Amino acid sequence: MLVEKSMHPEWLSNAFVVAADGGPAVFVDSGADVAPLIEAVERWGTTPVALLRTHSHHDHVVNEDELARRYSIPVLAEPGEWKWDGLQVRGLATPGHSDDGLSFVIAEEIVATGDTLFRDAVGGGDVAAVRRSVMEVLLELPDATRVLPGHTDETTIGRERRENPFVRVWRGAEDEGTERVRVGGRDATLLVWSPDYDGNGKAWVRYDDGSEATVGGSRVERG
C-alpha cells in the first residue's frame, strides 16, 4: 500500500492518503495541509474514491469540503464495508473520545484510528468506552497491522499491545499505579502515566469519589 501523510504544525493532527499501487485511493481525515496529499495522488497516478472521517472534531475535518469537491467523492463517516477495484475498507465504531469515533481498516493491512489509539497513549474522553474500543475492537486486529493515528507518529497494533502503558494495564501485564496526585484541585490516584503526542504526557486517574478520567499530563500535580 502507498501512504502519504500531512501533519498540521500546531494541532499535530494527521491527514493521509492511502492507495493501492496503480489503483484507487482514499483520504483519511483532512485536518492538515492537503497539498502534499493531492501531489501524492498525482504522482502515483491513482484515483481518489472516498474521504474517510474518523470523527468530526475541527482539527480532523477543516479541509474536508475542499477534497470532497475537488474529486467529487463521498465522505464516509459511519460503520460499514466498501470495495473499489480491489481496495477494501471496513469502518469500525470506536467511540469514547467522541461519540462518532470510527477506525478504518484498509486492505486488512492498515488501520486509521483517529484519536482512539496513539503510539504509547489513547484518546481522552469516556474512559470505559475508549477502553472497549481499544481492547475489544482495535486489539482484535493482527499485530502486524500498521496504525495511522490522528496525531503524530504511526505505530503497529503489536507494538501498542506490548508497550502502550494504558494497554499494558488494561490487559493485566502491569498493575494500576498508586501514586497520589491532584487534578484540577481534586485528590486522585494516578493509575497510568504515558507519553503523549504533544510531549506533555497523558494520565488515567481515579478521583476519590470513584469517578475516572483520562487527562493531559499538564493537569496533573505530582509529588
N, C-alpha and C. Protein backbone atom coordinates (compact mmCIF):
# COMPACT_ATOMS: atom_id res chain seq x y z
N MET A 1 0.84 -1.20 0.00
CA MET A 1 0.00 0.00 0.00
C MET A 1 0.88 1.26 0.00
N LEU A 2 0.40 2.29 -0.67
CA LEU A 2 1.07 3.58 -0.71
C LEU A 2 0.42 4.50 0.32
N VAL A 3 1.24 5.18 1.12
CA VAL A 3 0.73 6.06 2.18
C VAL A 3 1.48 7.39 2.13
N GLU A 4 0.73 8.48 2.15
CA GLU A 4 1.32 9.81 2.29
C GLU A 4 0.64 10.50 3.47
N LYS A 5 1.45 11.17 4.30
CA LYS A 5 0.91 11.85 5.48
C LYS A 5 1.20 13.34 5.41
N SER A 6 0.26 14.13 5.89
CA SER A 6 0.47 15.55 6.13
C SER A 6 0.07 15.84 7.57
N MET A 7 0.86 16.65 8.29
CA MET A 7 0.58 16.92 9.70
C MET A 7 0.52 18.43 9.94
N HIS A 8 -0.50 18.87 10.64
CA HIS A 8 -0.65 20.28 10.95
C HIS A 8 0.44 20.69 11.95
N PRO A 9 1.15 21.80 11.72
CA PRO A 9 2.28 22.13 12.58
C PRO A 9 1.91 22.53 14.00
N GLU A 10 0.68 22.97 14.23
CA GLU A 10 0.27 23.37 15.58
C GLU A 10 -0.60 22.31 16.24
N TRP A 11 -1.61 21.83 15.53
CA TRP A 11 -2.51 20.83 16.11
C TRP A 11 -1.86 19.45 16.15
N LEU A 12 -0.84 19.23 15.32
CA LEU A 12 -0.20 17.92 15.18
C LEU A 12 -1.19 16.87 14.68
N SER A 13 -2.26 17.32 14.04
CA SER A 13 -3.25 16.39 13.50
C SER A 13 -2.82 15.90 12.12
N ASN A 14 -3.07 14.62 11.87
CA ASN A 14 -2.67 13.99 10.62
C ASN A 14 -3.81 13.94 9.61
N ALA A 15 -3.44 14.06 8.35
CA ALA A 15 -4.31 13.70 7.24
C ALA A 15 -3.50 12.77 6.34
N PHE A 16 -4.16 11.78 5.78
CA PHE A 16 -3.46 10.77 4.99
C PHE A 16 -4.16 10.58 3.64
N VAL A 17 -3.41 10.05 2.69
CA VAL A 17 -4.00 9.41 1.53
C VAL A 17 -3.35 8.03 1.42
N VAL A 18 -4.19 7.03 1.21
CA VAL A 18 -3.74 5.64 1.13
C VAL A 18 -4.24 5.08 -0.19
N ALA A 19 -3.37 4.40 -0.93
CA ALA A 19 -3.75 3.92 -2.25
C ALA A 19 -3.19 2.54 -2.51
N ALA A 20 -3.91 1.77 -3.29
CA ALA A 20 -3.38 0.55 -3.86
C ALA A 20 -2.51 0.95 -5.05
N ASP A 21 -1.35 0.32 -5.19
CA ASP A 21 -0.44 0.67 -6.26
C ASP A 21 -1.14 0.54 -7.62
N GLY A 22 -1.29 1.68 -8.30
CA GLY A 22 -1.95 1.67 -9.59
C GLY A 22 -3.47 1.61 -9.53
N GLY A 23 -4.05 1.69 -8.31
CA GLY A 23 -5.49 1.55 -8.16
C GLY A 23 -6.12 2.74 -7.47
N PRO A 24 -7.26 2.53 -6.83
CA PRO A 24 -7.96 3.64 -6.17
C PRO A 24 -7.26 4.09 -4.90
N ALA A 25 -7.65 5.30 -4.45
CA ALA A 25 -7.08 5.89 -3.25
C ALA A 25 -8.18 6.41 -2.35
N VAL A 26 -7.92 6.44 -1.04
CA VAL A 26 -8.83 7.04 -0.07
C VAL A 26 -8.06 8.03 0.78
N PHE A 27 -8.69 9.17 1.04
CA PHE A 27 -8.16 10.11 2.01
C PHE A 27 -8.66 9.71 3.40
N VAL A 28 -7.86 9.99 4.42
CA VAL A 28 -8.27 9.79 5.81
C VAL A 28 -8.12 11.11 6.54
N ASP A 29 -9.23 11.71 6.93
CA ASP A 29 -9.27 12.99 7.62
C ASP A 29 -8.67 14.10 6.76
N SER A 30 -8.78 15.34 7.25
CA SER A 30 -8.39 16.47 6.42
C SER A 30 -7.98 17.67 7.27
N GLY A 31 -7.43 17.41 8.44
CA GLY A 31 -7.10 18.48 9.36
C GLY A 31 -5.72 19.06 9.20
N ALA A 32 -5.01 18.70 8.12
CA ALA A 32 -3.69 19.23 7.83
C ALA A 32 -3.69 19.74 6.40
N ASP A 33 -2.60 20.35 6.00
CA ASP A 33 -2.45 20.84 4.63
C ASP A 33 -2.65 19.66 3.66
N VAL A 34 -3.59 19.78 2.76
CA VAL A 34 -3.88 18.67 1.85
C VAL A 34 -3.05 18.72 0.58
N ALA A 35 -2.26 19.78 0.39
CA ALA A 35 -1.46 19.87 -0.83
C ALA A 35 -0.52 18.67 -1.01
N PRO A 36 0.17 18.20 0.04
CA PRO A 36 1.03 17.03 -0.15
C PRO A 36 0.25 15.77 -0.53
N LEU A 37 -0.99 15.68 -0.10
CA LEU A 37 -1.81 14.52 -0.43
C LEU A 37 -2.24 14.59 -1.89
N ILE A 38 -2.62 15.76 -2.33
CA ILE A 38 -3.00 15.95 -3.74
C ILE A 38 -1.81 15.66 -4.65
N GLU A 39 -0.63 16.12 -4.25
CA GLU A 39 0.57 15.87 -5.04
C GLU A 39 0.86 14.38 -5.11
N ALA A 40 0.66 13.66 -3.99
CA ALA A 40 0.91 12.22 -3.98
C ALA A 40 -0.05 11.49 -4.92
N VAL A 41 -1.32 11.89 -4.91
CA VAL A 41 -2.30 11.28 -5.80
C VAL A 41 -1.86 11.43 -7.27
N GLU A 42 -1.40 12.63 -7.61
CA GLU A 42 -0.97 12.87 -8.99
C GLU A 42 0.30 12.10 -9.31
N ARG A 43 1.22 12.04 -8.36
CA ARG A 43 2.49 11.32 -8.58
C ARG A 43 2.24 9.83 -8.75
N TRP A 44 1.33 9.29 -7.96
CA TRP A 44 1.05 7.86 -8.03
C TRP A 44 0.17 7.48 -9.21
N GLY A 45 -0.55 8.45 -9.76
CA GLY A 45 -1.49 8.15 -10.83
C GLY A 45 -2.70 7.37 -10.36
N THR A 46 -3.12 7.64 -9.12
CA THR A 46 -4.27 6.94 -8.54
C THR A 46 -5.51 7.82 -8.62
N THR A 47 -6.66 7.22 -8.37
CA THR A 47 -7.93 7.93 -8.43
C THR A 47 -8.61 7.92 -7.06
N PRO A 48 -8.77 9.06 -6.40
CA PRO A 48 -9.47 9.09 -5.12
C PRO A 48 -10.93 8.67 -5.28
N VAL A 49 -11.39 7.85 -4.33
CA VAL A 49 -12.77 7.35 -4.39
C VAL A 49 -13.58 7.71 -3.16
N ALA A 50 -12.94 8.12 -2.07
CA ALA A 50 -13.68 8.45 -0.84
C ALA A 50 -12.77 9.19 0.13
N LEU A 51 -13.40 9.91 1.05
CA LEU A 51 -12.72 10.52 2.18
C LEU A 51 -13.28 9.86 3.44
N LEU A 52 -12.41 9.29 4.25
CA LEU A 52 -12.81 8.59 5.47
C LEU A 52 -12.65 9.55 6.66
N ARG A 53 -13.73 9.78 7.38
CA ARG A 53 -13.70 10.69 8.53
C ARG A 53 -13.69 9.88 9.82
N THR A 54 -12.61 10.00 10.59
CA THR A 54 -12.54 9.25 11.85
C THR A 54 -13.42 9.85 12.93
N HIS A 55 -13.58 11.16 12.93
CA HIS A 55 -14.51 11.84 13.83
C HIS A 55 -14.59 13.30 13.39
N SER A 56 -15.58 13.99 13.91
CA SER A 56 -15.93 15.30 13.37
C SER A 56 -15.30 16.48 14.09
N HIS A 57 -14.30 16.27 14.95
CA HIS A 57 -13.66 17.40 15.60
C HIS A 57 -12.93 18.27 14.55
N HIS A 58 -12.90 19.56 14.82
CA HIS A 58 -12.43 20.53 13.83
C HIS A 58 -11.04 20.20 13.28
N ASP A 59 -10.14 19.76 14.15
CA ASP A 59 -8.76 19.52 13.71
C ASP A 59 -8.62 18.28 12.83
N HIS A 60 -9.75 17.65 12.49
CA HIS A 60 -9.70 16.49 11.59
C HIS A 60 -10.57 16.68 10.34
N VAL A 61 -11.29 17.78 10.27
CA VAL A 61 -12.23 17.95 9.14
C VAL A 61 -12.12 19.30 8.44
N VAL A 62 -11.16 20.14 8.82
CA VAL A 62 -11.17 21.52 8.37
C VAL A 62 -11.07 21.65 6.85
N ASN A 63 -10.40 20.71 6.18
CA ASN A 63 -10.26 20.79 4.71
C ASN A 63 -11.11 19.75 3.99
N GLU A 64 -12.12 19.24 4.68
CA GLU A 64 -12.93 18.17 4.12
C GLU A 64 -13.66 18.60 2.85
N ASP A 65 -14.30 19.76 2.88
CA ASP A 65 -15.06 20.21 1.71
C ASP A 65 -14.16 20.38 0.49
N GLU A 66 -12.94 20.87 0.71
CA GLU A 66 -12.02 21.06 -0.41
C GLU A 66 -11.74 19.75 -1.13
N LEU A 67 -11.44 18.70 -0.39
CA LEU A 67 -11.15 17.42 -1.01
C LEU A 67 -12.39 16.80 -1.64
N ALA A 68 -13.51 16.87 -0.94
CA ALA A 68 -14.74 16.26 -1.46
C ALA A 68 -15.16 16.92 -2.77
N ARG A 69 -15.05 18.26 -2.84
CA ARG A 69 -15.42 18.96 -4.06
C ARG A 69 -14.42 18.72 -5.19
N ARG A 70 -13.15 18.75 -4.86
CA ARG A 70 -12.12 18.62 -5.88
C ARG A 70 -12.25 17.31 -6.64
N TYR A 71 -12.55 16.23 -5.91
CA TYR A 71 -12.58 14.91 -6.54
C TYR A 71 -14.00 14.34 -6.67
N SER A 72 -15.00 15.11 -6.24
CA SER A 72 -16.40 14.65 -6.30
C SER A 72 -16.55 13.28 -5.64
N ILE A 73 -16.05 13.19 -4.40
CA ILE A 73 -16.05 11.92 -3.68
C ILE A 73 -16.92 12.03 -2.44
N PRO A 74 -17.48 10.92 -1.96
CA PRO A 74 -18.27 10.95 -0.73
C PRO A 74 -17.40 10.99 0.51
N VAL A 75 -17.95 11.54 1.57
CA VAL A 75 -17.33 11.48 2.90
C VAL A 75 -17.99 10.33 3.65
N LEU A 76 -17.20 9.34 4.03
CA LEU A 76 -17.71 8.18 4.74
C LEU A 76 -17.47 8.38 6.23
N ALA A 77 -18.55 8.39 6.99
CA ALA A 77 -18.47 8.71 8.42
C ALA A 77 -19.39 7.82 9.23
N GLU A 78 -19.48 6.55 8.85
CA GLU A 78 -20.31 5.59 9.55
C GLU A 78 -19.68 4.20 9.40
N PRO A 79 -20.02 3.30 10.32
CA PRO A 79 -19.52 1.93 10.17
C PRO A 79 -20.03 1.32 8.87
N GLY A 80 -19.24 0.43 8.29
CA GLY A 80 -19.66 -0.22 7.06
C GLY A 80 -18.49 -0.88 6.36
N GLU A 81 -18.76 -1.41 5.17
CA GLU A 81 -17.73 -2.02 4.34
C GLU A 81 -17.89 -1.52 2.92
N TRP A 82 -16.76 -1.23 2.29
CA TRP A 82 -16.76 -0.71 0.93
C TRP A 82 -15.62 -1.37 0.15
N LYS A 83 -15.80 -1.45 -1.16
CA LYS A 83 -14.74 -2.02 -2.00
C LYS A 83 -14.75 -1.32 -3.35
N TRP A 84 -13.57 -0.91 -3.78
CA TRP A 84 -13.40 -0.25 -5.08
C TRP A 84 -12.24 -0.92 -5.81
N ASP A 85 -12.53 -1.65 -6.85
CA ASP A 85 -11.50 -2.19 -7.73
C ASP A 85 -10.35 -2.81 -6.94
N GLY A 86 -10.69 -3.63 -5.96
CA GLY A 86 -9.68 -4.35 -5.21
C GLY A 86 -9.24 -3.69 -3.92
N LEU A 87 -9.63 -2.43 -3.66
CA LEU A 87 -9.29 -1.77 -2.40
C LEU A 87 -10.48 -1.88 -1.46
N GLN A 88 -10.28 -2.60 -0.37
CA GLN A 88 -11.37 -2.84 0.59
C GLN A 88 -11.15 -2.02 1.84
N VAL A 89 -12.25 -1.45 2.36
CA VAL A 89 -12.21 -0.66 3.59
C VAL A 89 -13.34 -1.10 4.50
N ARG A 90 -13.00 -1.25 5.79
CA ARG A 90 -14.01 -1.54 6.80
C ARG A 90 -14.02 -0.40 7.82
N GLY A 91 -15.20 0.15 8.10
CA GLY A 91 -15.33 1.18 9.11
C GLY A 91 -15.85 0.58 10.41
N LEU A 92 -15.07 0.71 11.47
CA LEU A 92 -15.41 0.12 12.77
C LEU A 92 -15.77 1.22 13.76
N ALA A 93 -16.84 1.05 14.49
CA ALA A 93 -17.22 2.01 15.52
C ALA A 93 -16.24 1.92 16.68
N THR A 94 -15.58 3.05 16.98
CA THR A 94 -14.66 3.10 18.12
C THR A 94 -14.92 4.38 18.92
N PRO A 95 -16.08 4.46 19.56
CA PRO A 95 -16.42 5.66 20.33
C PRO A 95 -15.63 5.75 21.63
N GLY A 96 -15.72 6.90 22.26
CA GLY A 96 -15.05 7.13 23.53
C GLY A 96 -14.46 8.52 23.56
N HIS A 97 -13.51 8.78 22.67
CA HIS A 97 -13.00 10.14 22.52
C HIS A 97 -14.09 11.04 21.99
N SER A 98 -14.90 10.49 21.10
CA SER A 98 -16.09 11.19 20.58
C SER A 98 -17.15 10.14 20.31
N ASP A 99 -18.40 10.57 20.35
CA ASP A 99 -19.49 9.62 20.12
C ASP A 99 -19.45 9.04 18.71
N ASP A 100 -18.95 9.83 17.74
CA ASP A 100 -18.95 9.38 16.35
C ASP A 100 -17.62 8.76 15.92
N GLY A 101 -16.78 8.38 16.88
CA GLY A 101 -15.46 7.88 16.57
C GLY A 101 -15.49 6.61 15.74
N LEU A 102 -14.67 6.59 14.68
CA LEU A 102 -14.54 5.44 13.80
C LEU A 102 -13.06 5.13 13.57
N SER A 103 -12.78 3.86 13.32
CA SER A 103 -11.47 3.45 12.82
C SER A 103 -11.70 2.72 11.51
N PHE A 104 -10.79 2.93 10.56
CA PHE A 104 -10.96 2.35 9.24
C PHE A 104 -9.83 1.37 8.94
N VAL A 105 -10.21 0.12 8.69
CA VAL A 105 -9.25 -0.91 8.29
C VAL A 105 -9.17 -0.88 6.77
N ILE A 106 -7.97 -0.67 6.25
CA ILE A 106 -7.76 -0.51 4.82
C ILE A 106 -6.94 -1.69 4.31
N ALA A 107 -7.54 -2.46 3.41
CA ALA A 107 -6.87 -3.60 2.76
C ALA A 107 -6.34 -4.61 3.77
N GLU A 108 -6.92 -4.64 4.96
CA GLU A 108 -6.51 -5.57 6.02
C GLU A 108 -5.03 -5.44 6.36
N GLU A 109 -4.43 -4.29 6.03
CA GLU A 109 -3.02 -4.05 6.33
C GLU A 109 -2.82 -2.85 7.24
N ILE A 110 -3.73 -1.90 7.16
CA ILE A 110 -3.60 -0.60 7.82
C ILE A 110 -4.88 -0.31 8.58
N VAL A 111 -4.75 0.33 9.75
CA VAL A 111 -5.94 0.84 10.43
C VAL A 111 -5.69 2.30 10.79
N ALA A 112 -6.62 3.16 10.39
CA ALA A 112 -6.60 4.57 10.75
C ALA A 112 -7.45 4.73 12.00
N THR A 113 -6.84 5.12 13.11
CA THR A 113 -7.51 5.05 14.41
C THR A 113 -8.00 6.39 14.93
N GLY A 114 -7.81 7.48 14.17
CA GLY A 114 -8.26 8.77 14.66
C GLY A 114 -7.66 9.07 16.02
N ASP A 115 -8.48 9.54 16.95
CA ASP A 115 -8.00 9.88 18.28
C ASP A 115 -8.36 8.83 19.32
N THR A 116 -8.44 7.57 18.88
CA THR A 116 -8.73 6.48 19.81
C THR A 116 -7.46 5.82 20.32
N LEU A 117 -6.53 5.52 19.41
CA LEU A 117 -5.28 4.85 19.79
C LEU A 117 -4.12 5.57 19.14
N PHE A 118 -3.13 5.92 19.97
CA PHE A 118 -1.90 6.55 19.51
C PHE A 118 -0.71 5.68 19.87
N ARG A 119 0.45 6.07 19.39
CA ARG A 119 1.69 5.46 19.86
C ARG A 119 1.86 5.83 21.34
N ASP A 120 1.81 4.84 22.21
CA ASP A 120 2.03 4.97 23.66
C ASP A 120 0.89 5.64 24.42
N ALA A 121 -0.24 5.91 23.78
CA ALA A 121 -1.32 6.58 24.50
C ALA A 121 -2.66 6.22 23.88
N VAL A 122 -3.71 6.72 24.50
CA VAL A 122 -5.07 6.56 23.97
C VAL A 122 -5.76 7.91 24.05
N GLY A 123 -6.92 8.01 23.42
CA GLY A 123 -7.65 9.26 23.41
C GLY A 123 -8.31 9.57 24.73
N GLY A 124 -8.46 10.85 25.01
CA GLY A 124 -9.23 11.26 26.16
C GLY A 124 -10.72 11.11 25.89
N GLY A 125 -11.50 11.19 26.96
CA GLY A 125 -12.95 11.04 26.81
C GLY A 125 -13.48 10.04 27.82
N ASP A 126 -14.55 9.35 27.46
CA ASP A 126 -15.16 8.34 28.31
C ASP A 126 -14.20 7.17 28.45
N VAL A 127 -13.62 7.00 29.64
CA VAL A 127 -12.56 6.00 29.82
C VAL A 127 -13.05 4.60 29.49
N ALA A 128 -14.22 4.24 29.98
CA ALA A 128 -14.73 2.89 29.75
C ALA A 128 -14.96 2.64 28.27
N ALA A 129 -15.49 3.65 27.57
CA ALA A 129 -15.76 3.49 26.14
C ALA A 129 -14.46 3.41 25.34
N VAL A 130 -13.48 4.25 25.67
CA VAL A 130 -12.18 4.18 24.99
C VAL A 130 -11.55 2.81 25.22
N ARG A 131 -11.62 2.34 26.45
CA ARG A 131 -11.04 1.03 26.77
C ARG A 131 -11.68 -0.07 25.93
N ARG A 132 -13.00 -0.06 25.81
CA ARG A 132 -13.67 -1.07 24.99
C ARG A 132 -13.25 -0.96 23.54
N SER A 133 -13.17 0.26 23.03
CA SER A 133 -12.80 0.44 21.63
C SER A 133 -11.39 -0.05 21.36
N VAL A 134 -10.49 0.21 22.28
CA VAL A 134 -9.11 -0.22 22.10
C VAL A 134 -8.99 -1.74 22.28
N MET A 135 -9.49 -2.24 23.39
CA MET A 135 -9.23 -3.64 23.76
C MET A 135 -10.11 -4.63 23.00
N GLU A 136 -11.36 -4.25 22.72
CA GLU A 136 -12.30 -5.20 22.12
C GLU A 136 -12.46 -5.02 20.61
N VAL A 137 -11.94 -3.93 20.08
CA VAL A 137 -12.05 -3.70 18.63
C VAL A 137 -10.66 -3.65 18.00
N LEU A 138 -9.86 -2.67 18.37
CA LEU A 138 -8.58 -2.47 17.69
C LEU A 138 -7.58 -3.57 17.98
N LEU A 139 -7.52 -4.02 19.22
CA LEU A 139 -6.54 -5.06 19.53
C LEU A 139 -6.96 -6.45 19.07
N GLU A 140 -8.12 -6.54 18.46
CA GLU A 140 -8.51 -7.79 17.79
C GLU A 140 -7.85 -7.90 16.41
N LEU A 141 -7.26 -6.82 15.93
CA LEU A 141 -6.58 -6.85 14.64
C LEU A 141 -5.21 -7.51 14.78
N PRO A 142 -4.65 -8.03 13.69
CA PRO A 142 -3.33 -8.69 13.76
C PRO A 142 -2.24 -7.72 14.21
N ASP A 143 -1.23 -8.25 14.88
CA ASP A 143 -0.15 -7.42 15.41
C ASP A 143 0.58 -6.66 14.32
N ALA A 144 0.66 -7.19 13.11
CA ALA A 144 1.40 -6.54 12.03
C ALA A 144 0.65 -5.36 11.43
N THR A 145 -0.58 -5.13 11.82
CA THR A 145 -1.37 -4.04 11.24
C THR A 145 -0.74 -2.69 11.55
N ARG A 146 -0.48 -1.91 10.49
CA ARG A 146 0.04 -0.55 10.66
C ARG A 146 -1.06 0.34 11.23
N VAL A 147 -0.72 1.15 12.21
CA VAL A 147 -1.66 2.08 12.82
C VAL A 147 -1.31 3.50 12.36
N LEU A 148 -2.27 4.13 11.66
CA LEU A 148 -2.15 5.54 11.28
C LEU A 148 -3.03 6.34 12.23
N PRO A 149 -2.46 6.95 13.26
CA PRO A 149 -3.27 7.65 14.26
C PRO A 149 -3.61 9.06 13.83
N GLY A 150 -4.49 9.69 14.59
CA GLY A 150 -4.93 11.03 14.27
C GLY A 150 -3.91 12.10 14.56
N HIS A 151 -2.86 11.77 15.32
CA HIS A 151 -1.82 12.73 15.64
C HIS A 151 -0.45 12.05 15.64
N THR A 152 0.49 12.70 15.08
CA THR A 152 1.93 12.37 15.05
C THR A 152 2.24 10.97 14.54
N ASP A 153 3.06 10.19 15.28
CA ASP A 153 3.76 9.05 14.70
C ASP A 153 2.90 7.81 14.55
N GLU A 154 3.13 7.10 13.46
CA GLU A 154 2.44 5.83 13.27
C GLU A 154 3.07 4.75 14.14
N THR A 155 2.38 3.63 14.26
CA THR A 155 2.85 2.52 15.07
C THR A 155 2.25 1.24 14.50
N THR A 156 2.23 0.18 15.28
CA THR A 156 1.56 -1.06 14.88
C THR A 156 0.71 -1.55 16.04
N ILE A 157 -0.24 -2.39 15.73
CA ILE A 157 -1.06 -2.98 16.79
C ILE A 157 -0.18 -3.79 17.75
N GLY A 158 0.76 -4.54 17.21
CA GLY A 158 1.62 -5.36 18.07
C GLY A 158 2.45 -4.53 19.02
N ARG A 159 3.01 -3.42 18.53
CA ARG A 159 3.79 -2.56 19.41
C ARG A 159 2.94 -2.02 20.54
N GLU A 160 1.74 -1.55 20.21
CA GLU A 160 0.88 -0.99 21.26
C GLU A 160 0.42 -2.07 22.24
N ARG A 161 0.23 -3.27 21.75
CA ARG A 161 -0.13 -4.36 22.67
C ARG A 161 0.99 -4.59 23.70
N ARG A 162 2.23 -4.51 23.23
CA ARG A 162 3.39 -4.78 24.08
C ARG A 162 3.79 -3.59 24.94
N GLU A 163 3.71 -2.37 24.41
CA GLU A 163 4.40 -1.24 25.03
C GLU A 163 3.51 -0.09 25.47
N ASN A 164 2.31 0.02 24.97
CA ASN A 164 1.44 1.13 25.35
C ASN A 164 1.09 1.01 26.84
N PRO A 165 1.41 2.01 27.67
CA PRO A 165 1.17 1.88 29.11
C PRO A 165 -0.29 1.63 29.47
N PHE A 166 -1.23 2.26 28.76
CA PHE A 166 -2.64 2.01 29.03
C PHE A 166 -2.99 0.56 28.72
N VAL A 167 -2.58 0.09 27.57
CA VAL A 167 -2.91 -1.28 27.16
C VAL A 167 -2.28 -2.29 28.10
N ARG A 168 -1.06 -2.05 28.53
CA ARG A 168 -0.39 -3.00 29.43
C ARG A 168 -1.17 -3.17 30.73
N VAL A 169 -1.70 -2.07 31.27
CA VAL A 169 -2.51 -2.18 32.49
C VAL A 169 -3.85 -2.83 32.18
N TRP A 170 -4.48 -2.44 31.10
CA TRP A 170 -5.80 -2.97 30.77
C TRP A 170 -5.76 -4.46 30.49
N ARG A 171 -4.66 -4.98 29.98
CA ARG A 171 -4.60 -6.43 29.71
C ARG A 171 -3.93 -7.21 30.84
N GLY A 172 -3.61 -6.52 31.94
CA GLY A 172 -3.10 -7.20 33.12
C GLY A 172 -1.62 -7.46 33.14
N ALA A 173 -0.87 -6.89 32.20
CA ALA A 173 0.58 -7.08 32.19
C ALA A 173 1.26 -6.24 33.26
N GLU A 174 0.60 -5.16 33.69
CA GLU A 174 1.10 -4.32 34.77
C GLU A 174 -0.06 -3.96 35.69
N ASP A 175 0.25 -3.66 36.94
CA ASP A 175 -0.77 -3.24 37.89
C ASP A 175 -1.08 -1.76 37.72
N GLU A 176 -2.26 -1.36 38.14
CA GLU A 176 -2.58 0.06 38.20
C GLU A 176 -1.62 0.76 39.16
N GLY A 177 -1.32 2.01 38.87
CA GLY A 177 -0.47 2.78 39.76
C GLY A 177 -1.18 3.18 41.05
N THR A 178 -0.40 3.63 42.01
CA THR A 178 -0.96 4.00 43.32
C THR A 178 -0.55 5.41 43.75
N GLU A 179 0.17 6.13 42.90
CA GLU A 179 0.66 7.45 43.27
C GLU A 179 -0.50 8.41 43.50
N ARG A 180 -0.42 9.17 44.59
CA ARG A 180 -1.44 10.16 44.89
C ARG A 180 -1.10 11.47 44.18
N VAL A 181 -2.11 12.06 43.54
CA VAL A 181 -1.92 13.29 42.77
C VAL A 181 -3.13 14.19 42.99
N ARG A 182 -3.04 15.40 42.42
CA ARG A 182 -4.19 16.30 42.37
C ARG A 182 -4.41 16.72 40.93
N VAL A 183 -5.68 16.75 40.53
CA VAL A 183 -6.05 17.13 39.17
C VAL A 183 -7.18 18.15 39.27
N GLY A 184 -6.92 19.37 38.83
CA GLY A 184 -7.95 20.40 38.90
C GLY A 184 -8.43 20.65 40.33
N GLY A 185 -7.52 20.53 41.29
CA GLY A 185 -7.87 20.75 42.68
C GLY A 185 -8.52 19.56 43.37
N ARG A 186 -8.65 18.43 42.68
CA ARG A 186 -9.27 17.24 43.26
C ARG A 186 -8.22 16.18 43.54
N ASP A 187 -8.36 15.50 44.67
CA ASP A 187 -7.46 14.41 45.01
C ASP A 187 -7.78 13.19 44.17
N ALA A 188 -6.73 12.50 43.75
CA ALA A 188 -6.92 11.35 42.87
C ALA A 188 -5.74 10.40 42.98
N THR A 189 -5.91 9.21 42.42
CA THR A 189 -4.84 8.22 42.30
C THR A 189 -4.45 8.12 40.83
N LEU A 190 -3.15 8.18 40.57
CA LEU A 190 -2.64 8.08 39.20
C LEU A 190 -2.52 6.60 38.83
N LEU A 191 -3.38 6.14 37.95
CA LEU A 191 -3.41 4.74 37.57
C LEU A 191 -2.43 4.43 36.45
N VAL A 192 -2.32 5.33 35.47
CA VAL A 192 -1.40 5.17 34.34
C VAL A 192 -0.85 6.53 33.97
N TRP A 193 0.45 6.56 33.69
CA TRP A 193 1.08 7.74 33.09
C TRP A 193 1.77 7.28 31.82
N SER A 194 1.56 8.02 30.74
CA SER A 194 2.20 7.64 29.48
C SER A 194 2.68 8.88 28.75
N PRO A 195 3.62 8.69 27.82
CA PRO A 195 3.92 9.79 26.89
C PRO A 195 2.67 10.08 26.06
N ASP A 196 2.65 11.25 25.46
CA ASP A 196 1.55 11.58 24.57
C ASP A 196 2.11 12.34 23.39
N TYR A 197 1.32 12.47 22.34
CA TYR A 197 1.83 13.03 21.11
C TYR A 197 2.29 14.48 21.25
N ASP A 198 1.76 15.22 22.24
CA ASP A 198 2.13 16.63 22.38
C ASP A 198 3.32 16.84 23.29
N GLY A 199 3.87 15.76 23.84
CA GLY A 199 5.04 15.87 24.70
C GLY A 199 4.74 16.16 26.15
N ASN A 200 3.48 16.34 26.50
CA ASN A 200 3.12 16.69 27.88
C ASN A 200 2.67 15.51 28.72
N GLY A 201 2.55 14.34 28.11
CA GLY A 201 2.11 13.16 28.84
C GLY A 201 0.59 13.06 28.90
N LYS A 202 0.14 11.88 29.25
CA LYS A 202 -1.30 11.65 29.44
C LYS A 202 -1.49 10.73 30.64
N ALA A 203 -2.55 10.95 31.38
CA ALA A 203 -2.76 10.22 32.62
C ALA A 203 -4.18 9.67 32.70
N TRP A 204 -4.28 8.48 33.27
CA TRP A 204 -5.57 7.92 33.67
C TRP A 204 -5.62 8.02 35.18
N VAL A 205 -6.64 8.72 35.70
CA VAL A 205 -6.73 8.94 37.13
C VAL A 205 -8.08 8.47 37.65
N ARG A 206 -8.07 8.09 38.91
CA ARG A 206 -9.32 7.77 39.62
C ARG A 206 -9.46 8.75 40.77
N TYR A 207 -10.52 9.56 40.71
CA TYR A 207 -10.76 10.52 41.78
C TYR A 207 -11.24 9.80 43.03
N ASP A 208 -11.16 10.49 44.14
CA ASP A 208 -11.52 9.85 45.40
C ASP A 208 -13.01 9.53 45.50
N ASP A 209 -13.82 10.12 44.65
CA ASP A 209 -15.24 9.76 44.65
C ASP A 209 -15.52 8.55 43.76
N GLY A 210 -14.47 7.95 43.17
CA GLY A 210 -14.62 6.74 42.36
C GLY A 210 -14.73 7.00 40.87
N SER A 211 -14.95 8.24 40.45
CA SER A 211 -15.01 8.54 39.02
C SER A 211 -13.61 8.53 38.42
N GLU A 212 -13.53 8.33 37.11
CA GLU A 212 -12.25 8.22 36.44
C GLU A 212 -12.20 9.17 35.25
N ALA A 213 -10.98 9.50 34.83
CA ALA A 213 -10.81 10.37 33.67
C ALA A 213 -9.45 10.12 33.05
N THR A 214 -9.35 10.38 31.77
CA THR A 214 -8.07 10.44 31.07
C THR A 214 -7.80 11.91 30.79
N VAL A 215 -6.69 12.42 31.29
CA VAL A 215 -6.42 13.85 31.23
C VAL A 215 -5.02 14.11 30.71
N GLY A 216 -4.82 15.30 30.17
CA GLY A 216 -3.49 15.71 29.76
C GLY A 216 -2.55 15.83 30.93
N GLY A 217 -1.31 15.47 30.71
CA GLY A 217 -0.35 15.44 31.81
C GLY A 217 -0.13 16.78 32.47
N SER A 218 -0.33 17.87 31.74
CA SER A 218 -0.12 19.20 32.32
C SER A 218 -1.13 19.51 33.42
N ARG A 219 -2.21 18.76 33.48
CA ARG A 219 -3.24 18.99 34.51
C ARG A 219 -2.94 18.26 35.80
N VAL A 220 -1.94 17.39 35.79
CA VAL A 220 -1.69 16.52 36.93
C VAL A 220 -0.59 17.11 37.81
N GLU A 221 -0.90 17.34 39.08
CA GLU A 221 0.09 17.80 40.05
C GLU A 221 0.66 16.57 40.76
N ARG A 222 1.94 16.31 40.51
CA ARG A 222 2.60 15.15 41.08
C ARG A 222 3.62 15.57 42.13
N GLY A 223 3.80 14.71 43.12
CA GLY A 223 4.87 14.87 44.09
C GLY A 223 4.77 16.09 44.97
